[in-house]
Amino acid sequence: MNPSMLRLALLCLFLGVDSLFCALVAGVTGLLARHSGASPAAAILRAGAAFVGAATLSMAVSAFLASGL
């Protein structure tokens, strides 16, 4: 396996794990918002904001780590 294929495989693995992590964060945020008395629409809005925030943070960290490789 040449180095470019290895990097592509690691990138795909990271993106898969990252999307699962972001979905978990969004789900927990939606549940917490719903349990605190928010309407379903507000809970979905908070979950979406949490998903985008987690994805942005993880992509920034991955860009920082990729610059070192």
Protein backbone atom coordinates (compact mmCIF):
# COMPACT_ATOMS: atom_id res chain seq x y z
CA MET A 1 0.00 0.00 0.00
CA ASN A 2 1.57 3.25 -1.10
CA PRO A 3 1.56 6.31 1.19
CA SER A 4 -1.14 8.18 -0.74
CA MET A 5 -3.56 5.26 -0.41
CA LEU A 6 -2.80 5.02 3.28
CA ARG A 7 -3.54 8.70 3.77
CA LEU A 8 -6.80 8.34 1.84
CA ALA A 9 -7.81 5.35 3.97
CA LEU A 10 -7.01 7.24 7.17
CA LEU A 11 -8.96 10.26 5.93
CA CYS A 12 -12.02 8.12 5.17
CA LEU A 13 -11.78 6.45 8.57
CA PHE A 14 -11.48 9.80 10.31
CA LEU A 15 -14.46 11.25 8.45
CA GLY A 16 -16.58 8.24 9.37
CA VAL A 17 -15.68 8.41 13.04
CA ASP A 18 -16.11 12.17 13.03
CA SER A 19 -19.61 12.00 11.56
CA LEU A 20 -20.63 9.42 14.17
CA PHE A 21 -19.22 11.59 16.95
CA CYS A 22 -21.02 14.67 15.65
CA ALA A 23 -24.30 12.76 15.37
CA LEU A 24 -23.89 11.56 18.96
CA VAL A 25 -23.25 15.11 20.18
CA ALA A 26 -26.30 16.37 18.29
CA GLY A 27 -28.51 13.60 19.64
CA VAL A 28 -27.50 14.21 23.24
CA THR A 29 -27.97 17.95 22.81
CA GLY A 30 -31.44 17.44 21.35
CA LEU A 31 -32.42 15.13 24.20
CA LEU A 32 -31.14 17.54 26.83
CA ALA A 33 -32.98 20.43 25.20
CA ARG A 34 -36.18 18.40 25.05
CA HIS A 35 -35.90 17.37 28.70
CA SER A 36 -35.39 20.99 29.72
CA GLY A 37 -38.77 21.90 28.25
CA ALA A 38 -37.88 23.18 24.78
CA SER A 39 -40.31 22.66 21.94
CA PRO A 40 -39.44 20.00 19.35
CA ALA A 41 -38.48 22.65 16.81
CA ALA A 42 -36.18 24.40 19.28
CA ALA A 43 -34.61 21.08 20.29
CA ILE A 44 -33.89 20.23 16.64
CA LEU A 45 -32.41 23.70 16.12
CA ARG A 46 -30.12 23.26 19.12
CA ALA A 47 -29.11 19.79 17.96
CA GLY A 48 -28.25 21.14 14.51
CA ALA A 49 -26.16 23.91 16.00
CA ALA A 50 -24.32 21.38 18.16
CA PHE A 51 -23.68 19.16 15.14
CA VAL A 52 -22.22 22.02 13.13
CA GLY A 53 -20.13 23.21 16.06
CA ALA A 54 -18.68 19.76 16.70
CA ALA A 55 -17.98 19.24 12.99
CA THR A 56 -16.26 22.61 12.69
CA LEU A 57 -14.08 21.98 15.72
CA SER A 58 -13.08 18.49 14.59
CA MET A 59 -12.26 19.68 11.07
CA ALA A 60 -10.10 22.46 12.49
CA VAL A 61 -8.23 19.93 14.63
CA SER A 62 -7.81 17.57 11.68
CA ALA A 63 -6.46 20.40 9.51
CA PHE A 64 -3.96 21.24 12.24
CA LEU A 65 -2.89 17.62 12.52
CA ALA A 66 -2.69 17.18 8.74
CA SER A 67 -0.36 20.13 8.43
CA GLY A 68 2.08 18.28 10.66
CA LEU A 69 2.00 15.18 8.49
